[in-house]
Amino acid sequence: MRRLLLATCLLLPGIAQARPEVTILSNDDPGLRMGQVRFAGGKTLDLRLGIGSAAYHRPGDPADIVYTLSDRGPNIACGDAREITGLAADRICAADARGRIYPRPDYAPTLYGVQLLPEQKRFRVFEALALKTQDGRPITGLTNPLKGRTEQPLDGEGRKLDHDPSAIDAEGLLRLPDGSFWVGEENAPSLVHVGAEGRILRRIVPAGTAGEFAGAGYEVLDGLPALLARRQSNRGIESVAGTPDGATLYAILQNPLANPDAAAYRDARNTRLLRYDPATNTVTGEWVYQLDDPQSFRNDPSNKQNNPRISEMSWLAPGRLMVLERTEKTTKLYEVRLDQGATNIAGTRWDDAATRPTLEQSNDLVGTGITPLAKRLLLDSADHPELPAKIEGIALLQGGTLMLINDDDFGITGERTRIALVKGVLD
């Protein structure tokens, strides 16, 4: 009864709750500087390593040690070109107006070891493991050759770059007892098993698409539902969680699929949470997670349903997950339970591309027979202005402390990485 009352109080306004304790850590280490990028006739950017796309504290590791993850590297959408580079899009993106600019296309997505130093209000990076092919060649964060389903990469002068079959847009992180990692991947989308030294062991992609990664330099296997290939570009798997032993993984699509088309994606609330068995390479469960009303994100409310997205997930206990749902300036943390009446839709007609209306076209779920995951609000960053924007990483530390880290986009807009240690959220 006490737990039920606590859960109810967390969702009801006007009921006084103990305010979580927040400590902010920063870092001025010169080792995080990437140097400057100059756009001829435009601006000069002062880039820094972006280490906050995911985080994980492995049970049994020292209490002050976490691992974090970068994404694909500095990148700029052509729609933002003028504001960030100082150059008109029709100039720097003349080769492809819907492309994406990579001012450092040589950057390899990287795993980082981080030590937390709360007494000094700072953190330090002590290890960097670039992701590599089996022969030790660092990969890039450029887009894969997914015909008609991905962006054209451009260099800092607007010239077309080749698609890269080995490239990973790294998001989501789990470190296993043997030192290896599972990484979520946003582009394909994929689940990627990475060895302790950074070499990619295997990549699990939507059924029927493994052939698109010929020449990747590591093993690529079909294993995810084929329908996941319909992800909206740049909205694939951004969150990975799992049991501490790595026997069971969970992944969630950042946004609803473009199923059957991009119009459905823009209006949809229903995204998909998957349970995956790495031993058998099979998806053993699938549930519906409904994104919040975009007006409810108080730091930046909007009318665009595709503004809310899922950027992180953590395993709490059997059947319990914590999900990070955010916009650019507002972050919400929810607890979801897989064992409290939500419908497992794995292998049903909702994974069939021929089904109409699709799951993504069925926002209210009336008449579908589907019960979505119930959500219990744990934290809303709108109540904590000291928290950074664009939080993308969560690590669960000893004593129920949460470590939150922001994605600073490699400093292209002047942001810097900050870590927040939050006590008093988990009961």
Protein backbone atom coordinates (compact mmCIF):
# COMPACT_ATOMS: atom_id res chain seq x y z
CA MET A 1 0.00 0.00 0.00
CA ARG A 2 2.82 2.40 0.83
CA ARG A 3 4.40 1.87 -2.61
CA LEU A 4 1.04 2.46 -4.30
CA LEU A 5 0.52 5.69 -2.39
CA LEU A 6 4.02 6.87 -3.24
CA ALA A 7 3.51 6.17 -6.93
CA THR A 8 0.22 8.07 -6.88
CA CYS A 9 1.78 11.05 -5.09
CA LEU A 10 4.54 11.29 -7.69
CA LEU A 11 1.95 11.77 -10.40
CA LEU A 12 -0.33 14.22 -8.61
CA PRO A 13 0.41 17.97 -8.55
CA GLY A 14 0.16 19.90 -5.33
CA ILE A 15 1.47 17.12 -3.04
CA ALA A 16 4.73 18.06 -1.35
CA GLN A 17 7.60 15.66 -2.03
CA ALA A 18 11.18 15.71 -0.80
CA ARG A 19 13.17 17.53 -3.45
CA PRO A 20 15.91 15.38 -5.01
CA GLU A 21 19.47 16.42 -4.21
CA VAL A 22 21.42 17.41 -7.34
CA THR A 23 25.21 17.82 -7.66
CA ILE A 24 26.64 19.10 -10.96
CA LEU A 25 30.08 17.98 -12.17
CA SER A 26 31.98 19.71 -14.98
CA ASN A 27 35.27 19.22 -16.80
CA ASP A 28 37.82 21.62 -18.28
CA ASP A 29 40.35 18.94 -19.25
CA PRO A 30 42.29 20.05 -22.35
CA GLY A 31 42.25 16.42 -23.44
CA LEU A 32 38.60 16.76 -24.39
CA ARG A 33 39.34 19.45 -26.95
CA MET A 34 39.09 18.40 -30.59
CA GLY A 35 40.42 21.65 -32.01
CA GLN A 36 38.87 24.21 -34.30
CA VAL A 37 37.05 23.75 -37.57
CA ARG A 38 36.94 26.74 -39.91
CA PHE A 39 34.29 27.08 -42.60
CA ALA A 40 35.73 29.21 -45.39
CA GLY A 41 33.74 32.44 -45.49
CA GLY A 42 31.78 31.39 -42.41
CA LYS A 43 32.26 30.65 -38.72
CA THR A 44 34.95 28.85 -36.74
CA LEU A 45 33.77 26.14 -34.36
CA ASP A 46 35.65 25.17 -31.20
CA LEU A 47 34.93 21.44 -30.94
CA ARG A 48 35.16 19.22 -27.87
CA LEU A 49 34.71 15.47 -27.51
CA GLY A 50 31.05 14.62 -26.97
CA ILE A 51 31.06 11.77 -24.44
CA GLY A 52 27.44 11.83 -23.24
CA SER A 53 25.28 9.82 -25.64
CA ALA A 54 24.96 6.94 -23.15
CA ALA A 55 26.27 5.83 -19.75
CA TYR A 56 26.54 2.66 -17.68
CA HIS A 57 27.90 1.72 -14.25
CA ARG A 58 28.67 -2.00 -14.09
CA PRO A 59 27.71 -3.61 -10.78
CA GLY A 60 30.88 -4.51 -8.91
CA ASP A 61 32.98 -1.74 -10.47
CA PRO A 62 34.34 0.97 -8.16
CA ALA A 63 31.56 3.32 -7.09
CA ASP A 64 33.10 6.31 -8.88
CA ILE A 65 33.67 4.63 -12.28
CA VAL A 66 31.24 4.72 -15.21
CA TYR A 67 31.56 4.16 -18.93
CA THR A 68 30.06 6.57 -21.42
CA LEU A 69 29.72 6.68 -25.18
CA SER A 70 29.99 9.17 -27.99
CA ASP A 71 27.71 9.13 -31.02
CA ARG A 72 28.82 9.42 -34.65
CA GLY A 73 30.84 12.61 -34.17
CA PRO A 74 30.27 16.29 -35.00
CA ASN A 75 27.48 16.58 -37.55
CA ILE A 76 25.22 19.36 -38.79
CA ALA A 77 21.87 19.03 -40.54
CA CYS A 78 21.70 21.11 -43.70
CA GLY A 79 18.64 22.84 -42.26
CA ASP A 80 20.87 24.21 -39.47
CA ALA A 81 23.81 25.05 -41.71
CA ARG A 82 23.44 28.84 -41.76
CA GLU A 83 23.06 29.18 -38.00
CA ILE A 84 25.98 26.88 -37.12
CA THR A 85 28.46 27.33 -39.99
CA GLY A 86 27.57 30.85 -41.09
CA LEU A 87 27.11 29.58 -44.65
CA ALA A 88 23.84 29.35 -46.54
CA ALA A 89 22.56 25.80 -47.01
CA ASP A 90 22.36 26.27 -50.78
CA ARG A 91 26.11 26.83 -50.71
CA ILE A 92 27.53 24.28 -48.27
CA CYS A 93 24.80 21.71 -49.03
CA ALA A 94 24.60 22.30 -52.77
CA ALA A 95 25.51 18.65 -53.40
CA ASP A 96 22.45 17.41 -51.45
CA ALA A 97 20.05 19.77 -49.69
CA ARG A 98 18.85 16.91 -47.44
CA GLY A 99 22.36 15.78 -46.54
CA ARG A 100 24.31 16.14 -43.30
CA ILE A 101 27.66 17.85 -42.80
CA TYR A 102 30.50 15.99 -41.05
CA PRO A 103 33.28 18.51 -40.33
CA ARG A 104 35.41 15.69 -38.82
CA PRO A 105 34.49 12.62 -40.90
CA ASP A 106 37.53 10.80 -39.57
CA TYR A 107 36.16 10.67 -36.01
CA ALA A 108 35.55 7.16 -34.66
CA PRO A 109 32.66 6.62 -32.20
CA THR A 110 34.33 5.94 -28.87
CA LEU A 111 33.73 4.40 -25.44
CA TYR A 112 35.03 6.48 -22.54
CA GLY A 113 35.99 5.52 -18.98
CA VAL A 114 34.96 8.30 -16.59
CA GLN A 115 35.83 8.86 -12.94
CA LEU A 116 33.36 10.88 -10.87
CA LEU A 117 34.88 13.33 -8.39
CA PRO A 118 31.88 14.87 -6.59
CA GLU A 119 33.95 16.42 -3.79
CA GLN A 120 35.75 18.46 -6.45
CA LYS A 121 32.57 19.05 -8.51
CA ARG A 122 34.24 17.59 -11.57
CA PHE A 123 34.83 14.41 -13.54
CA ARG A 124 37.79 13.11 -15.52
CA VAL A 125 38.17 10.84 -18.54
CA PHE A 126 40.79 8.12 -17.99
CA GLU A 127 40.22 5.79 -20.96
CA ALA A 128 39.11 6.02 -24.60
CA LEU A 129 38.28 2.94 -26.70
CA ALA A 130 37.56 3.75 -30.34
CA LEU A 131 35.20 1.27 -32.03
CA LYS A 132 37.04 -0.85 -34.59
CA THR A 133 36.55 -3.49 -37.24
CA GLN A 134 37.86 -7.01 -36.58
CA ASP A 135 41.24 -6.12 -38.12
CA GLY A 136 41.63 -3.12 -35.80
CA ARG A 137 40.66 -0.36 -38.23
CA PRO A 138 38.74 2.47 -36.48
CA ILE A 139 35.26 2.83 -37.91
CA THR A 140 33.57 6.13 -38.76
CA GLY A 141 30.20 7.58 -37.78
CA LEU A 142 29.11 8.20 -41.37
CA THR A 143 25.89 6.73 -42.71
CA ASN A 144 25.62 3.15 -44.01
CA PRO A 145 24.69 2.40 -47.64
CA LEU A 146 20.97 1.92 -46.96
CA LYS A 147 19.49 2.71 -50.35
CA GLY A 148 16.76 5.34 -50.10
CA ARG A 149 16.69 5.16 -46.28
CA THR A 150 19.53 7.34 -45.04
CA GLU A 151 21.21 10.72 -45.39
CA GLN A 152 24.02 11.70 -47.74
CA PRO A 153 27.17 12.58 -45.75
CA LEU A 154 29.01 15.76 -46.76
CA ASP A 155 32.40 17.02 -45.65
CA GLY A 156 33.11 20.47 -44.22
CA GLU A 157 33.31 21.93 -47.70
CA GLY A 158 30.04 20.42 -48.86
CA ARG A 159 31.51 17.60 -50.95
CA LYS A 160 29.83 14.20 -50.97
CA LEU A 161 31.42 11.50 -48.86
CA ASP A 162 31.04 7.78 -49.50
CA HIS A 163 28.63 5.79 -47.36
CA ASP A 164 30.49 3.45 -45.00
CA PRO A 165 29.18 -0.12 -44.40
CA SER A 166 31.14 -0.40 -41.14
CA ALA A 167 29.95 2.93 -39.67
CA ILE A 168 28.06 3.03 -36.37
CA ASP A 169 25.91 5.83 -34.96
CA ALA A 170 26.52 4.69 -31.39
CA GLU A 171 23.78 5.18 -28.77
CA GLY A 172 22.86 3.17 -25.66
CA LEU A 173 25.34 1.19 -23.59
CA LEU A 174 25.64 -1.94 -21.44
CA ARG A 175 28.92 -3.33 -20.10
CA LEU A 176 29.05 -7.06 -19.38
CA PRO A 177 30.98 -8.97 -16.68
CA ASP A 178 33.58 -10.09 -19.27
CA GLY A 179 34.35 -6.46 -20.17
CA SER A 180 32.55 -6.50 -23.52
CA PHE A 181 29.77 -4.05 -24.37
CA TRP A 182 26.41 -3.95 -26.09
CA VAL A 183 25.77 -0.70 -27.95
CA GLY A 184 22.55 0.59 -29.48
CA GLU A 185 22.79 1.96 -33.00
CA GLU A 186 20.55 4.63 -34.44
CA ASN A 187 21.10 4.48 -38.17
CA ALA A 188 20.29 0.93 -39.32
CA PRO A 189 18.96 0.44 -36.51
CA SER A 190 21.08 -2.24 -34.82
CA LEU A 191 22.35 -3.90 -31.67
CA VAL A 192 26.16 -4.07 -31.67
CA HIS A 193 28.33 -6.38 -29.53
CA VAL A 194 31.74 -4.83 -28.93
CA GLY A 195 34.76 -6.56 -27.40
CA ALA A 196 36.55 -5.20 -24.33
CA GLU A 197 39.24 -3.61 -26.50
CA GLY A 198 36.75 -1.93 -28.84
CA ARG A 199 36.61 -4.39 -31.77
CA ILE A 200 33.08 -5.02 -33.06
CA LEU A 201 32.19 -8.70 -32.64
CA ARG A 202 28.78 -8.72 -34.34
CA ARG A 203 25.98 -6.40 -35.38
CA ILE A 204 22.31 -7.44 -35.30
CA VAL A 205 20.16 -5.69 -37.93
CA PRO A 206 16.53 -5.91 -39.14
CA ALA A 207 15.72 -9.15 -40.96
CA GLY A 208 16.48 -8.99 -44.66
CA THR A 209 18.99 -6.12 -44.45
CA ALA A 210 22.31 -7.81 -43.52
CA GLY A 211 23.36 -7.80 -47.17
CA GLU A 212 23.46 -4.00 -47.17
CA PHE A 213 26.53 -4.09 -44.92
CA ALA A 214 28.82 -6.08 -47.21
CA GLY A 215 32.43 -5.18 -46.49
CA ALA A 216 31.74 -3.99 -42.95
CA GLY A 217 34.76 -5.79 -41.55
CA TYR A 218 32.80 -7.60 -38.86
CA GLU A 219 29.91 -10.07 -38.67
CA VAL A 220 26.45 -8.69 -39.51
CA LEU A 221 23.40 -10.84 -38.75
CA ASP A 222 19.67 -10.53 -39.34
CA GLY A 223 17.87 -10.80 -36.01
CA LEU A 224 15.59 -7.83 -35.37
CA PRO A 225 12.06 -7.57 -36.80
CA ALA A 226 12.14 -6.64 -40.49
CA LEU A 227 9.72 -3.80 -39.83
CA LEU A 228 12.41 -1.90 -37.93
CA ALA A 229 14.02 -1.02 -41.26
CA ARG A 230 11.15 1.47 -41.57
CA ARG A 231 12.60 3.66 -38.85
CA GLN A 232 12.58 7.37 -39.64
CA SER A 233 16.08 8.53 -40.53
CA ASN A 234 18.07 9.42 -37.40
CA ARG A 235 15.36 7.94 -35.12
CA GLY A 236 16.45 4.33 -34.65
CA ILE A 237 17.68 2.54 -31.51
CA GLU A 238 19.07 5.09 -29.07
CA SER A 239 18.54 3.09 -25.86
CA VAL A 240 19.85 -0.27 -24.67
CA ALA A 241 19.46 -1.86 -21.24
CA GLY A 242 19.92 -5.35 -19.92
CA THR A 243 20.29 -7.68 -17.00
CA PRO A 244 23.70 -7.33 -15.33
CA ASP A 245 24.82 -10.71 -16.71
CA GLY A 246 23.91 -9.68 -20.27
CA ALA A 247 21.61 -12.69 -20.76
CA THR A 248 18.66 -10.46 -21.67
CA LEU A 249 18.76 -7.14 -23.53
CA TYR A 250 16.13 -4.47 -24.01
CA ALA A 251 16.03 -1.87 -26.77
CA ILE A 252 13.52 0.81 -27.61
CA LEU A 253 12.98 2.77 -30.81
CA GLN A 254 13.70 6.44 -30.29
CA ASN A 255 10.43 7.30 -32.07
CA PRO A 256 7.60 5.47 -33.77
CA LEU A 257 8.42 3.92 -37.13
CA ALA A 258 7.68 5.58 -40.45
CA ASN A 259 5.06 2.89 -40.96
CA PRO A 260 3.72 3.00 -43.58
CA ASP A 261 5.27 6.42 -44.29
CA ALA A 262 6.82 9.55 -42.79
CA ALA A 263 3.41 11.12 -42.27
CA ALA A 264 2.54 8.32 -39.84
CA TYR A 265 5.84 8.83 -38.01
CA ARG A 266 5.21 12.55 -37.53
CA ASP A 267 1.82 12.01 -35.85
CA ALA A 268 2.45 8.71 -34.03
CA ARG A 269 2.73 8.16 -30.27
CA ASN A 270 3.32 4.38 -30.26
CA THR A 271 6.92 3.27 -30.23
CA ARG A 272 8.24 -0.25 -29.67
CA LEU A 273 10.23 -1.72 -26.77
CA LEU A 274 11.97 -5.03 -27.59
CA ARG A 275 13.37 -7.81 -25.45
CA TYR A 276 16.25 -9.66 -27.11
CA ASP A 277 18.05 -12.93 -26.29
CA PRO A 278 21.68 -12.65 -27.51
CA ALA A 279 22.32 -16.39 -27.00
CA THR A 280 19.72 -17.36 -29.62
CA ASN A 281 19.65 -14.10 -31.63
CA THR A 282 15.89 -13.79 -31.20
CA VAL A 283 13.44 -11.14 -30.09
CA THR A 284 11.41 -12.67 -27.24
CA GLY A 285 9.11 -9.76 -26.41
CA GLU A 286 7.74 -6.51 -27.77
CA TRP A 287 5.63 -3.89 -26.01
CA VAL A 288 4.07 -0.54 -26.89
CA TYR A 289 5.41 2.58 -25.19
CA GLN A 290 3.30 5.69 -25.74
CA LEU A 291 5.13 9.01 -25.96
CA ASP A 292 3.76 11.98 -24.03
CA ASP A 293 1.85 14.95 -25.41
CA PRO A 294 4.50 17.40 -26.69
CA GLN A 295 2.73 20.21 -24.83
CA SER A 296 3.60 18.53 -21.53
CA PHE A 297 7.34 19.20 -21.90
CA ARG A 298 7.31 22.44 -19.96
CA ASN A 299 10.70 23.89 -20.91
CA ASP A 300 9.91 23.70 -24.63
CA PRO A 301 6.26 22.75 -25.30
CA SER A 302 5.24 22.31 -28.94
CA ASN A 303 2.53 20.89 -31.16
CA LYS A 304 4.86 18.42 -32.90
CA GLN A 305 4.32 14.85 -31.74
CA ASN A 306 7.71 13.81 -33.14
CA ASN A 307 9.56 16.21 -30.81
CA PRO A 308 9.38 13.84 -27.79
CA ARG A 309 11.76 10.91 -28.15
CA ILE A 310 13.41 8.13 -26.13
CA SER A 311 17.13 8.65 -25.52
CA GLU A 312 18.06 6.20 -22.75
CA MET A 313 16.84 3.22 -20.78
CA SER A 314 18.13 1.43 -17.66
CA TRP A 315 17.34 -1.95 -16.10
CA LEU A 316 16.09 -1.57 -12.51
CA ALA A 317 14.99 -5.10 -11.59
CA PRO A 318 13.25 -8.05 -13.26
CA GLY A 319 10.36 -6.63 -15.25
CA ARG A 320 11.25 -3.01 -14.32
CA LEU A 321 12.90 -0.48 -16.61
CA MET A 322 13.58 3.24 -16.40
CA VAL A 323 12.98 5.17 -19.62
CA LEU A 324 14.31 8.63 -20.45
CA GLU A 325 11.82 10.55 -22.60
CA ARG A 326 12.90 14.00 -23.70
CA THR A 327 12.70 16.97 -25.99
CA GLU A 328 15.64 19.34 -26.58
CA LYS A 329 15.17 21.17 -23.26
CA THR A 330 13.01 18.91 -21.08
CA THR A 331 13.77 15.44 -19.73
CA LYS A 332 11.36 13.06 -18.01
CA LEU A 333 12.30 9.79 -16.32
CA TYR A 334 9.62 7.09 -16.17
CA GLU A 335 9.46 3.65 -14.61
CA VAL A 336 7.68 1.03 -16.72
CA ARG A 337 6.71 -2.51 -15.69
CA LEU A 338 6.59 -5.36 -18.20
CA ASP A 339 4.74 -7.63 -15.79
CA GLN A 340 1.67 -5.52 -15.05
CA GLY A 341 -0.75 -6.14 -17.89
CA ALA A 342 0.96 -4.64 -20.93
CA THR A 343 0.42 -6.67 -24.13
CA ASN A 344 3.35 -8.57 -25.64
CA ILE A 345 2.91 -8.04 -29.41
CA ALA A 346 6.05 -9.90 -30.54
CA GLY A 347 5.39 -11.98 -33.65
CA THR A 348 1.81 -10.73 -34.04
CA ARG A 349 0.19 -8.90 -36.95
CA TRP A 350 1.65 -5.65 -35.60
CA ASP A 351 5.06 -6.81 -36.88
CA ASP A 352 3.59 -7.49 -40.33
CA ALA A 353 4.22 -4.73 -42.89
CA ALA A 354 0.86 -5.50 -44.53
CA THR A 355 -1.23 -4.68 -41.43
CA ARG A 356 -3.56 -1.67 -41.84
CA PRO A 357 -3.99 0.50 -39.98
CA THR A 358 -0.48 0.11 -38.62
CA LEU A 359 0.43 0.37 -34.96
CA GLU A 360 1.83 3.80 -35.74
CA GLN A 361 -1.53 4.88 -37.20
CA SER A 362 -3.43 3.70 -34.09
CA ASN A 363 -2.59 6.34 -31.50
CA ASP A 364 -5.51 5.64 -29.16
CA LEU A 365 -5.17 1.83 -29.52
CA VAL A 366 -8.98 1.51 -29.37
CA GLY A 367 -10.05 -1.78 -30.94
CA THR A 368 -6.49 -3.11 -31.22
CA GLY A 369 -6.58 -5.32 -28.12
CA ILE A 370 -3.28 -3.75 -27.02
CA THR A 371 -2.60 -2.46 -23.52
CA PRO A 372 0.46 -0.17 -23.59
CA LEU A 373 3.08 0.01 -20.87
CA ALA A 374 1.97 1.99 -17.82
CA LYS A 375 4.33 4.84 -16.97
CA ARG A 376 5.22 6.16 -13.50
CA LEU A 377 6.90 9.56 -13.44
CA LEU A 378 10.12 9.65 -11.43
CA LEU A 379 11.67 12.98 -12.44
CA ASP A 380 10.82 16.00 -14.62
CA SER A 381 13.75 18.29 -15.38
CA ALA A 382 11.35 21.23 -15.64
CA ASP A 383 11.30 21.11 -11.84
CA HIS A 384 15.11 21.29 -11.71
CA PRO A 385 16.54 24.20 -13.72
CA GLU A 386 20.05 23.26 -12.60
CA LEU A 387 19.94 20.12 -14.78
CA PRO A 388 21.49 20.32 -18.26
CA ALA A 389 19.39 20.11 -21.39
CA LYS A 390 19.53 17.20 -23.84
CA ILE A 391 20.29 14.52 -21.26
CA GLU A 392 21.02 11.26 -23.08
CA GLY A 393 22.84 9.05 -20.57
CA ILE A 394 21.85 7.42 -17.26
CA ALA A 395 23.99 5.32 -14.95
CA LEU A 396 22.66 3.74 -11.76
CA LEU A 397 25.19 4.21 -8.97
CA GLN A 398 25.38 2.73 -5.50
CA GLY A 399 22.75 3.78 -2.97
CA GLY A 400 20.17 4.63 -5.62
CA THR A 401 22.03 7.68 -6.97
CA LEU A 402 21.42 8.47 -10.63
CA MET A 403 24.14 9.83 -12.86
CA LEU A 404 22.76 11.89 -15.75
CA ILE A 405 24.96 13.16 -18.59
CA ASN A 406 24.10 15.44 -21.49
CA ASP A 407 25.02 15.12 -25.15
CA ASP A 408 26.77 18.42 -25.95
CA ASP A 409 26.87 17.68 -29.72
CA PHE A 410 30.66 18.04 -29.68
CA GLY A 411 30.32 21.70 -28.76
CA ILE A 412 29.05 22.82 -32.17
CA THR A 413 26.58 25.20 -30.49
CA GLY A 414 28.84 26.09 -27.54
CA GLU A 415 27.41 23.50 -25.11
CA ARG A 416 29.70 21.58 -22.77
CA THR A 417 29.34 18.17 -21.15
CA ARG A 418 28.00 18.19 -17.62
CA ILE A 419 27.19 15.34 -15.25
CA ALA A 420 24.41 15.52 -12.66
CA LEU A 421 24.38 13.22 -9.62
CA VAL A 422 20.78 12.96 -8.41
CA LYS A 423 19.75 11.43 -5.08
CA GLY A 424 16.22 10.79 -3.89
CA VAL A 425 14.51 9.71 -7.13
CA LEU A 426 14.45 5.92 -6.83
CA ASP A 427 12.52 4.33 -3.96
